[in-house]
Every structure is written in C-alpha cells, then in structure tokens.
Amino acid sequence: MDHIVTVQDAVTAFADFMEPTDVELDAIDAEMPVIRAEMELLDAQIITIDRTPCELDERRIRRARRRVLAAHRDHVNGLDGQAGGAA
C-alpha cells in the first residue's frame, strides 16, 4: 500500500522573494486611484443587476465611468515622465 503524503512545507513556506518588492508596492500605490474608481463603477453596476436602472442609477454609472476614464488618464499621464511609462 502506498501512502499519500502532502508536501506541507512546500505549500505553506514563505520566502523573502515571495513578498512584493518596494517597487511593486509603489506601483500599486500609484494605481490606487484607478482601482478605487473601477470599484465605484462596479458598485454602481452591481446595484442595478436585479432591477431596471432608474435615472439616478444611470447618472451614477455615467459619473463612475467618467471617473474611471479620468483616473486612467491621470495615471498614464503621471507615468509619462518615468521610464517605460508609455502604455
């Protein structure tokens, strides 16, 4: 009979290389306005999933879409001065 053994150390072991670097954390911080704007848009869309959107819902979604576009624009324009920033 063969025993099935898990490799627990390999699955749960955390090494330094698995943590995000400072550069990666800075990139996440720089992109947070975009992430927040996309979350607001998603929230506005979720509200209307189970009902017909009213005028207020439609305005909320339009405003959220404009915020997403503005956040993307600001993020890309902020990266223009950095190396490799053109997306």
C-alpha atoms as a PDB file:
ATOM      1  CA  MET A   1       0.000   0.000   0.000  1.00  0.00           C
ATOM      2  CA  ASP A   2       1.360   3.420  -0.979  1.00  0.00           C
ATOM      3  CA  HIS A   3       0.778   6.282   1.394  1.00  0.00           C
ATOM      4  CA  ILE A   4      -0.270   9.646   0.045  1.00  0.00           C
ATOM      5  CA  VAL A   5       1.755  12.333   1.726  1.00  0.00           C
ATOM      6  CA  THR A   6       1.346  16.082   1.336  1.00  0.00           C
ATOM      7  CA  VAL A   7       4.271  18.377   0.915  1.00  0.00           C
ATOM      8  CA  GLN A   8       3.178  20.851   3.569  1.00  0.00           C
ATOM      9  CA  ASP A   9       6.440  22.792   3.746  1.00  0.00           C
ATOM     10  CA  ALA A  10       6.476  23.481   0.021  1.00  0.00           C
ATOM     11  CA  VAL A  11       2.886  24.714   0.041  1.00  0.00           C
ATOM     12  CA  THR A  12       2.962  26.945   3.108  1.00  0.00           C
ATOM     13  CA  ALA A  13       6.560  28.074   3.177  1.00  0.00           C
ATOM     14  CA  PHE A  14       7.060  31.778   2.567  1.00  0.00           C
ATOM     15  CA  ALA A  15      10.346  33.107   1.359  1.00  0.00           C
ATOM     16  CA  ASP A  16      11.526  36.689   1.024  1.00  0.00           C
ATOM     17  CA  PHE A  17      11.242  36.521  -2.757  1.00  0.00           C
ATOM     18  CA  MET A  18       7.501  35.854  -2.465  1.00  0.00           C
ATOM     19  CA  GLU A  19       6.780  39.225  -0.826  1.00  0.00           C
ATOM     20  CA  PRO A  20       6.121  42.252  -3.018  1.00  0.00           C
ATOM     21  CA  THR A  21       9.103  44.489  -3.506  1.00  0.00           C
ATOM     22  CA  ASP A  22       9.118  48.186  -2.699  1.00  0.00           C
ATOM     23  CA  VAL A  23       8.879  48.965  -6.411  1.00  0.00           C
ATOM     24  CA  GLU A  24       5.804  46.751  -6.764  1.00  0.00           C
ATOM     25  CA  LEU A  25       4.172  48.355  -3.722  1.00  0.00           C
ATOM     26  CA  ASP A  26       4.884  51.808  -5.151  1.00  0.00           C
ATOM     27  CA  ALA A  27       3.274  50.754  -8.429  1.00  0.00           C
ATOM     28  CA  ILE A  28       0.184  49.575  -6.554  1.00  0.00           C
ATOM     29  CA  ASP A  29       0.024  52.864  -4.633  1.00  0.00           C
ATOM     30  CA  ALA A  30       0.301  54.812  -7.880  1.00  0.00           C
ATOM     31  CA  GLU A  31      -2.562  52.811  -9.369  1.00  0.00           C
ATOM     32  CA  MET A  32      -4.878  53.036  -6.332  1.00  0.00           C
ATOM     33  CA  PRO A  33      -6.984  55.922  -7.754  1.00  0.00           C
ATOM     34  CA  VAL A  34      -7.712  53.772 -10.809  1.00  0.00           C
ATOM     35  CA  ILE A  35      -8.563  50.781  -8.634  1.00  0.00           C
ATOM     36  CA  ARG A  36     -10.893  52.857  -6.458  1.00  0.00           C
ATOM     37  CA  ALA A  37     -12.632  54.366  -9.494  1.00  0.00           C
ATOM     38  CA  GLU A  38     -13.129  50.916 -11.009  1.00  0.00           C
ATOM     39  CA  MET A  39     -14.544  49.671  -7.703  1.00  0.00           C
ATOM     40  CA  GLU A  40     -17.034  52.566  -7.647  1.00  0.00           C
ATOM     41  CA  LEU A  41     -18.114  51.703 -11.189  1.00  0.00           C
ATOM     42  CA  LEU A  42     -18.514  48.065 -10.253  1.00  0.00           C
ATOM     43  CA  ASP A  43     -20.574  49.014  -7.198  1.00  0.00           C
ATOM     44  CA  ALA A  44     -22.840  51.201  -9.336  1.00  0.00           C
ATOM     45  CA  GLN A  45     -23.304  48.358 -11.817  1.00  0.00           C
ATOM     46  CA  ILE A  46     -23.975  45.783  -9.091  1.00  0.00           C
ATOM     47  CA  ILE A  47     -26.772  47.936  -7.689  1.00  0.00           C
ATOM     48  CA  THR A  48     -28.639  47.645 -10.989  1.00  0.00           C
ATOM     49  CA  ILE A  49     -28.198  43.899 -11.526  1.00  0.00           C
ATOM     50  CA  ASP A  50     -31.583  42.849 -10.176  1.00  0.00           C
ATOM     51  CA  ARG A  51     -33.658  45.833 -11.205  1.00  0.00           C
ATOM     52  CA  THR A  52     -34.227  48.228 -14.044  1.00  0.00           C
ATOM     53  CA  PRO A  53     -31.903  51.213 -13.619  1.00  0.00           C
ATOM     54  CA  CYS A  54     -33.677  54.430 -12.752  1.00  0.00           C
ATOM     55  CA  GLU A  55     -32.416  57.858 -13.805  1.00  0.00           C
ATOM     56  CA  LEU A  56     -30.329  58.159 -10.638  1.00  0.00           C
ATOM     57  CA  ASP A  57     -28.685  54.782 -11.294  1.00  0.00           C
ATOM     58  CA  GLU A  58     -27.881  55.765 -14.862  1.00  0.00           C
ATOM     59  CA  ARG A  59     -26.296  59.034 -13.703  1.00  0.00           C
ATOM     60  CA  ARG A  60     -24.315  57.190 -11.031  1.00  0.00           C
ATOM     61  CA  ILE A  61     -22.943  54.766 -13.641  1.00  0.00           C
ATOM     62  CA  ARG A  62     -22.096  57.588 -16.078  1.00  0.00           C
ATOM     63  CA  ARG A  63     -20.255  59.514 -13.355  1.00  0.00           C
ATOM     64  CA  ALA A  64     -18.391  56.372 -12.304  1.00  0.00           C
ATOM     65  CA  ARG A  65     -17.354  55.682 -15.916  1.00  0.00           C
ATOM     66  CA  ARG A  66     -16.066  59.247 -16.241  1.00  0.00           C
ATOM     67  CA  ARG A  67     -14.100  58.829 -13.008  1.00  0.00           C
ATOM     68  CA  VAL A  68     -12.531  55.626 -14.329  1.00  0.00           C
ATOM     69  CA  LEU A  69     -11.518  57.319 -17.569  1.00  0.00           C
ATOM     70  CA  ALA A  70     -10.123  60.325 -15.700  1.00  0.00           C
ATOM     71  CA  ALA A  71      -8.205  58.103 -13.281  1.00  0.00           C
ATOM     72  CA  HIS A  72      -6.719  56.104 -16.165  1.00  0.00           C
ATOM     73  CA  ARG A  73      -5.787  59.335 -17.943  1.00  0.00           C
ATOM     74  CA  ASP A  74      -4.149  60.785 -14.838  1.00  0.00           C
ATOM     75  CA  HIS A  75      -2.321  57.541 -14.146  1.00  0.00           C
ATOM     76  CA  VAL A  76      -0.937  57.266 -17.682  1.00  0.00           C
ATOM     77  CA  ASN A  77      -0.011  60.949 -17.800  1.00  0.00           C
ATOM     78  CA  GLY A  78       1.751  60.599 -14.447  1.00  0.00           C
ATOM     79  CA  LEU A  79       3.806  57.720 -15.845  1.00  0.00           C
ATOM     80  CA  ASP A  80       4.955  59.657 -18.932  1.00  0.00           C
ATOM     81  CA  GLY A  81       7.915  61.103 -17.070  1.00  0.00           C
ATOM     82  CA  GLN A  82       9.034  57.686 -15.833  1.00  0.00           C
ATOM     83  CA  ALA A  83      10.983  55.092 -17.768  1.00  0.00           C
ATOM     84  CA  GLY A  84       8.695  52.667 -19.551  1.00  0.00           C
ATOM     85  CA  GLY A  85       5.628  54.662 -18.618  1.00  0.00           C
ATOM     86  CA  ALA A  86       4.025  54.740 -22.030  1.00  0.00           C
ATOM     87  CA  ALA A  87       1.275  52.162 -22.011  1.00  0.00           C
END
